[in-house]
Amino acid sequence: MNVRRLIPTAALAASVALGATALTACSGASAAGGGKDGKLDVMASFYPMQFLAEQIGKDHVKVSTLTKPGVEPHDLEITPKQTAQLGEADVVLYLKTLQPAVDKAVAQSGVKNVVDAGTLTDLEVHGASGHDHAHEGEGEAGHDHGHDEGGKDPHVWLDPAKYAQIAKGVGAALEKSDPDHGADYRKNTDELVSKLTALDTEFKDGLRNTASKTFITTHSAFGYLAERYGLDQEGISGVDPESEPSPARMKELQALAKQENVSTVFFETLASDKTAKSLATDTGLKTDVLDPLEGITDKSQGADYFEVMRSNLKNLQKALGAN
């Protein structure tokens, strides 16, 4: 228990957890968050959760993230120090099944006010033409995320409409934890949702007329995006960006590329581009970046979620022959 000083009445109100579970006064807003600034201390599991907390919380929150820039989120390992920090946070935002290490640490931390983004929208099962789950059963190394949840795809933030639903839930959670600033959280949520709605329209309009509907990517993270905008995702190696595809799968993709008029093989910034480049060489295709936005680094094609998503849209338009 982390009692650093007496907590003012306003902060006691902030310590009511989601689901009517009362937080103890010792983890209220002013005991955490450095003790002096009175900000709501939010711990995000990785970049898409961090971005929501920062955009909605603005000056009222202090946001930390478990996944540092440049770390592939699926590979994250949690230190005992980070588990302890989780226990001191006022609110934890994460996406269950995406990062098994985070799921475990959240369970161990005993933190009361936990928001699982997967419960704020509908998760679906996606297959890259049945190949998304070809690597099931590989255990931790195979990142069979979500297979305990029936193989549901966790990459919801790549669909702006679903990300907007999550934003609304996160806004409500911050308001519940810090009712004194509720009006600001609501205003910031509305602003973010309208920006995401505009982005959704840009994608709809930008991908409406394309010469091809099929794109090939190393990391099958784009099932929601493909479904939203009427495209077909073909993953080289399923949900794990690092796993090696079988020779049979490579052969199948070569045939598919010819048949579907595919021009480009996409890879991402946080994982190796080796398989994308070898497939492209074998088939005479180009390579380009399609970023699953699991983290922002200096290699990212943009400084935040919106900039990188717009780069993704441009790269898709170019690869699919949009007019």
C-alpha atoms as a PDB file:
ATOM      1  CA  MET A   1       0.000   0.000   0.000  1.00  0.00           C
ATOM      2  CA  ASN A   2       1.429   3.282  -1.112  1.00  0.00           C
ATOM      3  CA  VAL A   3       0.304   6.001   1.320  1.00  0.00           C
ATOM      4  CA  ARG A   4       2.463   9.031   0.738  1.00  0.00           C
ATOM      5  CA  ARG A   5       0.288  11.699   2.233  1.00  0.00           C
ATOM      6  CA  LEU A   6      -3.301  12.424   3.167  1.00  0.00           C
ATOM      7  CA  ILE A   7      -5.604  12.633   0.214  1.00  0.00           C
ATOM      8  CA  PRO A   8      -7.844  15.645  -0.394  1.00  0.00           C
ATOM      9  CA  THR A   9     -11.567  15.012  -0.727  1.00  0.00           C
ATOM     10  CA  ALA A  10     -11.557  15.682  -4.482  1.00  0.00           C
ATOM     11  CA  ALA A  11      -9.092  12.887  -5.030  1.00  0.00           C
ATOM     12  CA  LEU A  12     -11.138  10.499  -2.880  1.00  0.00           C
ATOM     13  CA  ALA A  13     -13.956  10.951  -5.369  1.00  0.00           C
ATOM     14  CA  ALA A  14     -11.469  10.079  -8.098  1.00  0.00           C
ATOM     15  CA  SER A  15     -10.721   6.772  -6.484  1.00  0.00           C
ATOM     16  CA  VAL A  16     -13.965   5.039  -7.368  1.00  0.00           C
ATOM     17  CA  ALA A  17     -13.127   2.149  -9.651  1.00  0.00           C
ATOM     18  CA  LEU A  18     -14.964   0.912 -12.721  1.00  0.00           C
ATOM     19  CA  GLY A  19     -17.560  -1.682 -11.981  1.00  0.00           C
ATOM     20  CA  ALA A  20     -18.344  -0.036  -8.648  1.00  0.00           C
ATOM     21  CA  THR A  21     -15.228  -1.485  -7.027  1.00  0.00           C
ATOM     22  CA  ALA A  22     -13.966   1.139  -4.628  1.00  0.00           C
ATOM     23  CA  LEU A  23     -10.277   1.831  -4.775  1.00  0.00           C
ATOM     24  CA  THR A  24      -8.643   2.243  -1.439  1.00  0.00           C
ATOM     25  CA  ALA A  25      -7.697   5.808  -0.595  1.00  0.00           C
ATOM     26  CA  CYS A  26      -4.036   4.840  -0.726  1.00  0.00           C
ATOM     27  CA  SER A  27      -4.094   4.471  -4.516  1.00  0.00           C
ATOM     28  CA  GLY A  28      -6.099   7.618  -5.215  1.00  0.00           C
ATOM     29  CA  ALA A  29      -5.077  10.216  -7.766  1.00  0.00           C
ATOM     30  CA  SER A  30      -2.768  12.196  -5.566  1.00  0.00           C
ATOM     31  CA  ALA A  31      -1.009   9.271  -3.894  1.00  0.00           C
ATOM     32  CA  ALA A  32      -0.016   7.981  -7.322  1.00  0.00           C
ATOM     33  CA  GLY A  33       1.102  10.251 -10.148  1.00  0.00           C
ATOM     34  CA  GLY A  34       4.114  11.521  -8.238  1.00  0.00           C
ATOM     35  CA  GLY A  35       2.063  12.689  -5.251  1.00  0.00           C
ATOM     36  CA  LYS A  36       2.402  16.411  -5.934  1.00  0.00           C
ATOM     37  CA  ASP A  37       0.660  17.161  -9.213  1.00  0.00           C
ATOM     38  CA  GLY A  38      -2.778  15.664  -8.461  1.00  0.00           C
ATOM     39  CA  LYS A  39      -2.896  14.142 -11.974  1.00  0.00           C
ATOM     40  CA  LEU A  40      -4.557  10.830 -12.704  1.00  0.00           C
ATOM     41  CA  ASP A  41      -1.814   8.241 -13.090  1.00  0.00           C
ATOM     42  CA  VAL A  42      -2.586   6.136 -16.196  1.00  0.00           C
ATOM     43  CA  MET A  43      -0.527   3.109 -17.238  1.00  0.00           C
ATOM     44  CA  ALA A  44      -1.007   2.069 -20.882  1.00  0.00           C
ATOM     45  CA  SER A  45       0.112  -1.329 -22.185  1.00  0.00           C
ATOM     46  CA  PHE A  46       1.325  -0.098 -25.590  1.00  0.00           C
ATOM     47  CA  TYR A  47       1.112   2.824 -28.029  1.00  0.00           C
ATOM     48  CA  PRO A  48      -2.558   2.694 -29.205  1.00  0.00           C
ATOM     49  CA  MET A  49      -3.702   2.728 -25.539  1.00  0.00           C
ATOM     50  CA  GLN A  50      -1.184   5.446 -24.632  1.00  0.00           C
ATOM     51  CA  PHE A  51      -2.391   7.627 -27.531  1.00  0.00           C
ATOM     52  CA  LEU A  52      -6.032   7.406 -26.360  1.00  0.00           C
ATOM     53  CA  ALA A  53      -5.105   8.277 -22.759  1.00  0.00           C
ATOM     54  CA  GLU A  54      -3.031  11.275 -23.866  1.00  0.00           C
ATOM     55  CA  GLN A  55      -5.632  12.582 -26.335  1.00  0.00           C
ATOM     56  CA  ILE A  56      -8.546  12.225 -23.906  1.00  0.00           C
ATOM     57  CA  GLY A  57      -6.783  12.992 -20.622  1.00  0.00           C
ATOM     58  CA  LYS A  58      -4.522  15.820 -21.839  1.00  0.00           C
ATOM     59  CA  ASP A  59      -3.366  17.957 -18.867  1.00  0.00           C
ATOM     60  CA  HIS A  60      -5.327  15.958 -16.282  1.00  0.00           C
ATOM     61  CA  VAL A  61      -3.358  12.733 -16.688  1.00  0.00           C
ATOM     62  CA  LYS A  62       0.184  11.465 -16.427  1.00  0.00           C
ATOM     63  CA  VAL A  63       0.540   8.601 -18.920  1.00  0.00           C
ATOM     64  CA  SER A  64       3.232   5.917 -18.771  1.00  0.00           C
ATOM     65  CA  THR A  65       3.567   2.976 -21.133  1.00  0.00           C
ATOM     66  CA  LEU A  66       4.810  -0.570 -20.510  1.00  0.00           C
ATOM     67  CA  THR A  67       6.041  -0.975 -24.111  1.00  0.00           C
ATOM     68  CA  LYS A  68       8.868   1.413 -24.912  1.00  0.00           C
ATOM     69  CA  PRO A  69       9.186   2.825 -28.461  1.00  0.00           C
ATOM     70  CA  GLY A  70      10.884   0.340 -30.775  1.00  0.00           C
ATOM     71  CA  VAL A  71       9.898  -2.759 -28.793  1.00  0.00           C
ATOM     72  CA  GLU A  72       7.688  -5.232 -30.704  1.00  0.00           C
ATOM     73  CA  PRO A  73       4.669  -5.342 -28.321  1.00  0.00           C
ATOM     74  CA  HIS A  74       4.020  -9.075 -28.772  1.00  0.00           C
ATOM     75  CA  ASP A  75       7.556  -9.782 -27.510  1.00  0.00           C
ATOM     76  CA  LEU A  76       7.316  -7.608 -24.398  1.00  0.00           C
ATOM     77  CA  GLU A  77       8.574  -9.005 -21.127  1.00  0.00           C
ATOM     78  CA  ILE A  78       7.519  -7.280 -17.903  1.00  0.00           C
ATOM     79  CA  THR A  79       9.972  -6.575 -15.101  1.00  0.00           C
ATOM     80  CA  PRO A  80       8.968  -6.938 -11.414  1.00  0.00           C
ATOM     81  CA  LYS A  81       9.461  -3.142 -11.175  1.00  0.00           C
ATOM     82  CA  GLN A  82       6.865  -2.586 -13.927  1.00  0.00           C
ATOM     83  CA  THR A  83       4.411  -4.934 -12.184  1.00  0.00           C
ATOM     84  CA  ALA A  84       4.855  -2.832  -9.022  1.00  0.00           C
ATOM     85  CA  GLN A  85       4.255   0.379 -11.040  1.00  0.00           C
ATOM     86  CA  LEU A  86       1.069  -1.171 -12.412  1.00  0.00           C
ATOM     87  CA  GLY A  87      -0.119  -1.687  -8.853  1.00  0.00           C
ATOM     88  CA  GLU A  88       0.363   2.030  -8.133  1.00  0.00           C
ATOM     89  CA  ALA A  89      -1.507   3.300 -11.198  1.00  0.00           C
ATOM     90  CA  ASP A  90      -4.961   4.859 -10.877  1.00  0.00           C
ATOM     91  CA  VAL A  91      -6.093   3.403 -14.211  1.00  0.00           C
ATOM     92  CA  VAL A  92      -4.550   0.656 -16.364  1.00  0.00           C
ATOM     93  CA  LEU A  93      -5.468   0.548 -20.069  1.00  0.00           C
ATOM     94  CA  TYR A  94      -4.597  -2.616 -21.973  1.00  0.00           C
ATOM     95  CA  LEU A  95      -5.852  -5.000 -24.646  1.00  0.00           C
ATOM     96  CA  LYS A  96      -6.218  -8.495 -23.267  1.00  0.00           C
ATOM     97  CA  THR A  97      -4.630 -11.367 -25.272  1.00  0.00           C
ATOM     98  CA  LEU A  98      -2.377  -9.089 -27.381  1.00  0.00           C
ATOM     99  CA  GLN A  99       0.492  -9.218 -24.877  1.00  0.00           C
ATOM    100  CA  PRO A 100       0.427 -12.312 -22.625  1.00  0.00           C
ATOM    101  CA  ALA A 101       3.100 -10.798 -20.339  1.00  0.00           C
ATOM    102  CA  VAL A 102       0.871  -7.765 -19.685  1.00  0.00           C
ATOM    103  CA  ASP A 103      -2.177  -9.942 -18.963  1.00  0.00           C
ATOM    104  CA  LYS A 104      -0.162 -11.804 -16.352  1.00  0.00           C
ATOM    105  CA  ALA A 105       1.299  -8.643 -14.782  1.00  0.00           C
ATOM    106  CA  VAL A 106      -2.126  -6.966 -14.576  1.00  0.00           C
ATOM    107  CA  ALA A 107      -3.508 -10.039 -12.803  1.00  0.00           C
ATOM    108  CA  GLN A 108      -0.568 -10.045 -10.358  1.00  0.00           C
ATOM    109  CA  SER A 109      -0.549  -6.297  -9.709  1.00  0.00           C
ATOM    110  CA  GLY A 110      -3.866  -6.229  -7.852  1.00  0.00           C
ATOM    111  CA  VAL A 111      -4.762  -2.898  -9.484  1.00  0.00           C
ATOM    112  CA  LYS A 112      -8.507  -2.340  -9.219  1.00  0.00           C
ATOM    113  CA  ASN A 113      -9.248   0.111 -12.028  1.00  0.00           C
ATOM    114  CA  VAL A 114      -8.468  -1.865 -15.169  1.00  0.00           C
ATOM    115  CA  VAL A 115      -9.847  -1.143 -18.645  1.00  0.00           C
ATOM    116  CA  ASP A 116      -9.587  -3.922 -21.247  1.00  0.00           C
ATOM    117  CA  ALA A 117     -10.050  -2.233 -24.641  1.00  0.00           C
ATOM    118  CA  GLY A 118     -11.278  -5.531 -26.081  1.00  0.00           C
ATOM    119  CA  THR A 119     -14.459  -5.223 -24.018  1.00  0.00           C
ATOM    120  CA  LEU A 120     -15.250  -1.778 -25.485  1.00  0.00           C
ATOM    121  CA  THR A 121     -15.870  -3.013 -29.041  1.00  0.00           C
ATOM    122  CA  ASP A 122     -16.644  -6.349 -30.735  1.00  0.00           C
ATOM    123  CA  LEU A 123     -13.601  -8.522 -31.397  1.00  0.00           C
ATOM    124  CA  GLU A 124     -13.841 -10.839 -34.394  1.00  0.00           C
ATOM    125  CA  VAL A 125     -12.001 -13.847 -35.785  1.00  0.00           C
ATOM    126  CA  HIS A 126     -10.035 -13.019 -38.932  1.00  0.00           C
ATOM    127  CA  GLY A 127      -8.153 -15.339 -41.190  1.00  0.00           C
ATOM    128  CA  ALA A 128      -5.852 -14.302 -43.989  1.00  0.00           C
ATOM    129  CA  SER A 129      -7.806 -16.623 -46.287  1.00  0.00           C
ATOM    130  CA  GLY A 130      -7.601 -19.214 -43.555  1.00  0.00           C
ATOM    131  CA  HIS A 131      -3.871 -18.698 -42.984  1.00  0.00           C
ATOM    132  CA  ASP A 132      -3.981 -16.299 -40.063  1.00  0.00           C
ATOM    133  CA  HIS A 133      -3.954 -19.085 -37.541  1.00  0.00           C
ATOM    134  CA  ALA A 134      -1.602 -21.473 -39.317  1.00  0.00           C
ATOM    135  CA  HIS A 135       0.864 -21.018 -36.468  1.00  0.00           C
ATOM    136  CA  GLU A 136      -1.452 -21.864 -33.632  1.00  0.00           C
ATOM    137  CA  GLY A 137      -0.047 -24.128 -30.982  1.00  0.00           C
ATOM    138  CA  GLU A 138       3.420 -22.600 -31.139  1.00  0.00           C
ATOM    139  CA  GLY A 139       3.010 -21.427 -27.561  1.00  0.00           C
ATOM    140  CA  GLU A 140       4.440 -18.137 -26.374  1.00  0.00           C
ATOM    141  CA  ALA A 141       7.049 -18.014 -29.131  1.00  0.00           C
ATOM    142  CA  GLY A 142       4.332 -18.340 -31.750  1.00  0.00           C
ATOM    143  CA  HIS A 143       2.305 -15.480 -30.222  1.00  0.00           C
ATOM    144  CA  ASP A 144      -0.976 -17.323 -30.575  1.00  0.00           C
ATOM    145  CA  HIS A 145      -2.661 -14.191 -29.229  1.00  0.00           C
ATOM    146  CA  GLY A 146      -6.265 -14.543 -28.444  1.00  0.00           C
ATOM    147  CA  HIS A 147      -6.545 -18.223 -29.194  1.00  0.00           C
ATOM    148  CA  ASP A 148      -7.752 -18.773 -25.655  1.00  0.00           C
ATOM    149  CA  GLU A 149     -10.477 -16.284 -26.587  1.00  0.00           C
ATOM    150  CA  GLY A 150     -11.498 -18.368 -29.594  1.00  0.00           C
ATOM    151  CA  GLY A 151      -8.842 -16.980 -31.963  1.00  0.00           C
ATOM    152  CA  LYS A 152     -10.164 -13.429 -31.934  1.00  0.00           C
ATOM    153  CA  ASP A 153      -8.045 -10.805 -33.655  1.00  0.00           C
ATOM    154  CA  PRO A 154      -6.864  -8.115 -31.200  1.00  0.00           C
ATOM    155  CA  HIS A 155      -5.743  -5.502 -33.803  1.00  0.00           C
ATOM    156  CA  VAL A 156      -8.905  -3.370 -33.485  1.00  0.00           C
ATOM    157  CA  TRP A 157      -7.188   0.034 -33.432  1.00  0.00           C
ATOM    158  CA  LEU A 158      -6.393  -0.285 -37.173  1.00  0.00           C
ATOM    159  CA  ASP A 159     -10.094   0.211 -37.900  1.00  0.00           C
ATOM    160  CA  PRO A 160     -10.796   3.908 -37.119  1.00  0.00           C
ATOM    161  CA  ALA A 161     -14.480   3.193 -36.449  1.00  0.00           C
ATOM    162  CA  LYS A 162     -13.690   0.514 -33.856  1.00  0.00           C
ATOM    163  CA  TYR A 163     -10.928   2.665 -32.352  1.00  0.00           C
ATOM    164  CA  ALA A 164     -13.542   5.426 -31.912  1.00  0.00           C
ATOM    165  CA  GLN A 165     -15.747   2.999 -29.930  1.00  0.00           C
ATOM    166  CA  ILE A 166     -12.766   2.202 -27.690  1.00  0.00           C
ATOM    167  CA  ALA A 167     -12.048   5.935 -27.280  1.00  0.00           C
ATOM    168  CA  LYS A 168     -15.588   6.445 -25.934  1.00  0.00           C
ATOM    169  CA  GLY A 169     -15.091   3.668 -23.375  1.00  0.00           C
ATOM    170  CA  VAL A 170     -11.703   5.041 -22.297  1.00  0.00           C
ATOM    171  CA  GLY A 171     -13.224   8.526 -21.919  1.00  0.00           C
ATOM    172  CA  ALA A 172     -15.970   7.112 -19.694  1.00  0.00           C
ATOM    173  CA  ALA A 173     -13.391   5.242 -17.600  1.00  0.00           C
ATOM    174  CA  LEU A 174     -11.273   8.369 -17.044  1.00  0.00           C
ATOM    175  CA  GLU A 175     -14.368  10.365 -16.138  1.00  0.00           C
ATOM    176  CA  LYS A 176     -15.419   7.720 -13.620  1.00  0.00           C
ATOM    177  CA  SER A 177     -11.938   7.737 -12.047  1.00  0.00           C
ATOM    178  CA  ASP A 178     -11.694  11.538 -11.983  1.00  0.00           C
ATOM    179  CA  PRO A 179     -15.236  12.993 -12.005  1.00  0.00           C
ATOM    180  CA  ASP A 180     -13.969  16.516 -11.205  1.00  0.00           C
ATOM    181  CA  HIS A 181     -12.627  16.773 -14.766  1.00  0.00           C
ATOM    182  CA  GLY A 182     -15.469  14.845 -16.395  1.00  0.00           C
ATOM    183  CA  ALA A 183     -16.541  17.694 -18.687  1.00  0.00           C
ATOM    184  CA  ASP A 184     -13.024  17.952 -20.141  1.00  0.00           C
ATOM    185  CA  TYR A 185     -12.778  14.195 -20.702  1.00  0.00           C
ATOM    186  CA  ARG A 186     -16.140  14.241 -22.515  1.00  0.00           C
ATOM    187  CA  LYS A 187     -15.110  17.199 -24.711  1.00  0.00           C
ATOM    188  CA  ASN A 188     -11.741  15.619 -25.572  1.00  0.00           C
ATOM    189  CA  THR A 189     -13.411  12.267 -26.330  1.00  0.00           C
ATOM    190  CA  ASP A 190     -15.896  13.946 -28.688  1.00  0.00           C
ATOM    191  CA  GLU A 191     -13.057  15.754 -30.499  1.00  0.00           C
ATOM    192  CA  LEU A 192     -11.056  12.543 -30.904  1.00  0.00           C
ATOM    193  CA  VAL A 193     -14.095  10.572 -32.096  1.00  0.00           C
ATOM    194  CA  SER A 194     -14.887  13.197 -34.750  1.00  0.00           C
ATOM    195  CA  LYS A 195     -11.250  13.068 -35.993  1.00  0.00           C
ATOM    196  CA  LEU A 196     -11.480   9.252 -36.184  1.00  0.00           C
ATOM    197  CA  THR A 197     -14.798   9.504 -38.050  1.00  0.00           C
ATOM    198  CA  ALA A 198     -13.145  11.860 -40.564  1.00  0.00           C
ATOM    199  CA  LEU A 199     -10.249   9.390 -40.962  1.00  0.00           C
ATOM    200  CA  ASP A 200     -12.738   6.558 -41.576  1.00  0.00           C
ATOM    201  CA  THR A 201     -14.310   8.653 -44.365  1.00  0.00           C
ATOM    202  CA  GLU A 202     -10.869   9.327 -45.897  1.00  0.00           C
ATOM    203  CA  PHE A 203     -10.173   5.569 -46.015  1.00  0.00           C
ATOM    204  CA  LYS A 204     -13.629   4.791 -47.469  1.00  0.00           C
ATOM    205  CA  ASP A 205     -13.266   7.409 -50.190  1.00  0.00           C
ATOM    206  CA  GLY A 206      -9.592   6.672 -50.854  1.00  0.00           C
ATOM    207  CA  LEU A 207     -10.038   2.906 -51.280  1.00  0.00           C
ATOM    208  CA  ARG A 208     -13.410   2.872 -53.029  1.00  0.00           C
ATOM    209  CA  ASN A 209     -12.071   2.518 -56.592  1.00  0.00           C
ATOM    210  CA  THR A 210      -8.953   0.356 -56.783  1.00  0.00           C
ATOM    211  CA  ALA A 211      -7.572  -1.867 -59.562  1.00  0.00           C
ATOM    212  CA  SER A 212      -6.986  -4.681 -57.043  1.00  0.00           C
ATOM    213  CA  LYS A 213      -8.551  -5.478 -53.675  1.00  0.00           C
ATOM    214  CA  THR A 214      -5.838  -7.853 -52.440  1.00  0.00           C
ATOM    215  CA  PHE A 215      -2.775  -6.894 -50.438  1.00  0.00           C
ATOM    216  CA  ILE A 216      -0.002  -9.124 -49.100  1.00  0.00           C
ATOM    217  CA  THR A 217       1.545  -8.340 -45.729  1.00  0.00           C
ATOM    218  CA  THR A 218       4.083 -10.032 -43.441  1.00  0.00           C
ATOM    219  CA  HIS A 219       1.992  -9.422 -40.315  1.00  0.00           C
ATOM    220  CA  SER A 220      -1.712 -10.316 -40.495  1.00  0.00           C
ATOM    221  CA  ALA A 221      -2.719  -7.319 -38.401  1.00  0.00           C
ATOM    222  CA  PHE A 222      -5.039  -5.688 -40.922  1.00  0.00           C
ATOM    223  CA  GLY A 223      -8.116  -7.927 -40.804  1.00  0.00           C
ATOM    224  CA  TYR A 224     -10.383  -5.209 -39.372  1.00  0.00           C
ATOM    225  CA  LEU A 225      -9.079  -2.602 -41.809  1.00  0.00           C
ATOM    226  CA  ALA A 226      -9.542  -4.982 -44.767  1.00  0.00           C
ATOM    227  CA  GLU A 227     -13.068  -5.872 -43.681  1.00  0.00           C
ATOM    228  CA  ARG A 228     -14.071  -2.230 -43.115  1.00  0.00           C
ATOM    229  CA  TYR A 229     -12.905  -1.088 -46.564  1.00  0.00           C
ATOM    230  CA  GLY A 230     -13.736  -4.150 -48.685  1.00  0.00           C
ATOM    231  CA  LEU A 231     -10.169  -5.417 -49.148  1.00  0.00           C
ATOM    232  CA  ASP A 232      -8.580  -8.889 -48.889  1.00  0.00           C
ATOM    233  CA  GLN A 233      -5.593  -9.311 -46.571  1.00  0.00           C
ATOM    234  CA  GLU A 234      -3.184 -12.127 -47.408  1.00  0.00           C
ATOM    235  CA  GLY A 235      -0.722 -12.700 -44.564  1.00  0.00           C
ATOM    236  CA  ILE A 236       2.649 -14.279 -45.317  1.00  0.00           C
ATOM    237  CA  SER A 237       3.083 -15.793 -41.880  1.00  0.00           C
ATOM    238  CA  GLY A 238      -0.029 -15.205 -39.808  1.00  0.00           C
ATOM    239  CA  VAL A 239      -0.298 -13.130 -36.674  1.00  0.00           C
ATOM    240  CA  ASP A 240       3.357 -13.472 -35.689  1.00  0.00           C
ATOM    241  CA  PRO A 241       5.420 -11.010 -37.748  1.00  0.00           C
ATOM    242  CA  GLU A 242       8.637 -12.965 -37.096  1.00  0.00           C
ATOM    243  CA  SER A 243       7.563 -16.547 -37.913  1.00  0.00           C
ATOM    244  CA  GLU A 244       8.801 -18.187 -41.124  1.00  0.00           C
ATOM    245  CA  PRO A 245       6.178 -19.055 -43.748  1.00  0.00           C
ATOM    246  CA  SER A 246       6.199 -22.557 -45.267  1.00  0.00           C
ATOM    247  CA  PRO A 247       7.516 -23.037 -48.824  1.00  0.00           C
ATOM    248  CA  ALA A 248       3.971 -24.089 -49.791  1.00  0.00           C
ATOM    249  CA  ARG A 249       2.580 -20.781 -48.504  1.00  0.00           C
ATOM    250  CA  MET A 250       5.226 -18.823 -50.441  1.00  0.00           C
ATOM    251  CA  LYS A 251       4.290 -20.715 -53.619  1.00  0.00           C
ATOM    252  CA  GLU A 252       0.606 -20.048 -53.010  1.00  0.00           C
ATOM    253  CA  LEU A 253       1.269 -16.310 -52.567  1.00  0.00           C
ATOM    254  CA  GLN A 254       3.318 -16.184 -55.780  1.00  0.00           C
ATOM    255  CA  ALA A 255       0.370 -17.653 -57.694  1.00  0.00           C
ATOM    256  CA  LEU A 256      -2.083 -15.367 -55.921  1.00  0.00           C
ATOM    257  CA  ALA A 257      -0.001 -12.270 -56.704  1.00  0.00           C
ATOM    258  CA  LYS A 258      -0.222 -13.071 -60.446  1.00  0.00           C
ATOM    259  CA  GLN A 259      -3.907 -13.925 -60.316  1.00  0.00           C
ATOM    260  CA  GLU A 260      -5.010 -10.920 -58.237  1.00  0.00           C
ATOM    261  CA  ASN A 261      -2.787  -8.347 -59.925  1.00  0.00           C
ATOM    262  CA  VAL A 262      -0.858  -7.682 -56.695  1.00  0.00           C
ATOM    263  CA  SER A 263       1.991  -5.169 -57.131  1.00  0.00           C
ATOM    264  CA  THR A 264       3.411  -4.855 -53.629  1.00  0.00           C
ATOM    265  CA  VAL A 265       4.392  -6.896 -50.580  1.00  0.00           C
ATOM    266  CA  PHE A 266       4.040  -4.935 -47.355  1.00  0.00           C
ATOM    267  CA  PHE A 267       6.307  -5.167 -44.321  1.00  0.00           C
ATOM    268  CA  GLU A 268       6.317  -3.199 -41.070  1.00  0.00           C
ATOM    269  CA  THR A 269       8.749  -0.991 -39.179  1.00  0.00           C
ATOM    270  CA  LEU A 270       9.126  -3.010 -35.938  1.00  0.00           C
ATOM    271  CA  ALA A 271       9.762  -6.454 -37.466  1.00  0.00           C
ATOM    272  CA  SER A 272      12.146  -7.952 -40.010  1.00  0.00           C
ATOM    273  CA  ASP A 273      11.460  -7.285 -43.696  1.00  0.00           C
ATOM    274  CA  LYS A 274      13.314 -10.460 -44.735  1.00  0.00           C
ATOM    275  CA  THR A 275      10.295 -12.586 -45.783  1.00  0.00           C
ATOM    276  CA  ALA A 276       8.619  -9.667 -47.583  1.00  0.00           C
ATOM    277  CA  LYS A 277      11.799  -8.985 -49.547  1.00  0.00           C
ATOM    278  CA  SER A 278      12.381 -12.626 -50.460  1.00  0.00           C
ATOM    279  CA  LEU A 279       8.775 -13.037 -51.668  1.00  0.00           C
ATOM    280  CA  ALA A 280       9.027  -9.771 -53.618  1.00  0.00           C
ATOM    281  CA  THR A 281      12.286 -10.889 -55.250  1.00  0.00           C
ATOM    282  CA  ASP A 282      10.804 -14.271 -56.221  1.00  0.00           C
ATOM    283  CA  THR A 283       7.702 -12.678 -57.743  1.00  0.00           C
ATOM    284  CA  GLY A 284       9.131  -9.437 -59.149  1.00  0.00           C
ATOM    285  CA  LEU A 285       6.967  -7.339 -56.806  1.00  0.00           C
ATOM    286  CA  LYS A 286       7.743  -4.083 -55.027  1.00  0.00           C
ATOM    287  CA  THR A 287       7.895  -3.726 -51.223  1.00  0.00           C
ATOM    288  CA  ASP A 288       6.437  -0.970 -49.084  1.00  0.00           C
ATOM    289  CA  VAL A 289       5.492  -0.270 -45.466  1.00  0.00           C
ATOM    290  CA  LEU A 290       2.098  -0.972 -43.916  1.00  0.00           C
ATOM    291  CA  ASP A 291       2.470  -0.031 -40.274  1.00  0.00           C
ATOM    292  CA  PRO A 292       0.374  -1.885 -37.657  1.00  0.00           C
ATOM    293  CA  LEU A 293       0.955   1.100 -35.360  1.00  0.00           C
ATOM    294  CA  GLU A 294       2.018  -0.938 -32.367  1.00  0.00           C
ATOM    295  CA  GLY A 295       4.669   1.667 -31.569  1.00  0.00           C
ATOM    296  CA  ILE A 296       6.043   4.938 -32.943  1.00  0.00           C
ATOM    297  CA  THR A 297       9.788   5.205 -33.623  1.00  0.00           C
ATOM    298  CA  ASP A 298      11.969   7.517 -35.695  1.00  0.00           C
ATOM    299  CA  LYS A 299      11.464   5.028 -38.557  1.00  0.00           C
ATOM    300  CA  SER A 300       7.677   5.459 -38.472  1.00  0.00           C
ATOM    301  CA  GLN A 301       6.061   7.251 -41.409  1.00  0.00           C
ATOM    302  CA  GLY A 302       4.526   9.868 -39.125  1.00  0.00           C
ATOM    303  CA  ALA A 303       4.698  11.190 -35.578  1.00  0.00           C
ATOM    304  CA  ASP A 304       1.366   9.901 -34.248  1.00  0.00           C
ATOM    305  CA  TYR A 305      -1.595   7.605 -34.945  1.00  0.00           C
ATOM    306  CA  PHE A 306      -3.254   9.915 -37.488  1.00  0.00           C
ATOM    307  CA  GLU A 307      -0.090  10.636 -39.481  1.00  0.00           C
ATOM    308  CA  VAL A 308       0.898   6.961 -39.690  1.00  0.00           C
ATOM    309  CA  MET A 309      -2.640   5.871 -40.637  1.00  0.00           C
ATOM    310  CA  ARG A 310      -2.636   8.455 -43.452  1.00  0.00           C
ATOM    311  CA  SER A 311       0.734   7.079 -44.651  1.00  0.00           C
ATOM    312  CA  ASN A 312      -0.810   3.592 -44.593  1.00  0.00           C
ATOM    313  CA  LEU A 313      -3.704   4.873 -46.699  1.00  0.00           C
ATOM    314  CA  LYS A 314      -1.342   6.445 -49.285  1.00  0.00           C
ATOM    315  CA  ASN A 315       0.743   3.242 -49.465  1.00  0.00           C
ATOM    316  CA  LEU A 316      -2.390   1.107 -49.915  1.00  0.00           C
ATOM    317  CA  GLN A 317      -3.758   3.433 -52.606  1.00  0.00           C
ATOM    318  CA  LYS A 318      -0.469   3.243 -54.504  1.00  0.00           C
ATOM    319  CA  ALA A 319      -0.209  -0.566 -54.175  1.00  0.00           C
ATOM    320  CA  LEU A 320      -3.856  -1.242 -55.085  1.00  0.00           C
ATOM    321  CA  GLY A 321      -3.990   1.220 -57.970  1.00  0.00           C
ATOM    322  CA  ALA A 322      -6.575   3.612 -56.512  1.00  0.00           C
ATOM    323  CA  ASN A 323      -8.059   6.178 -58.844  1.00  0.00           C
END
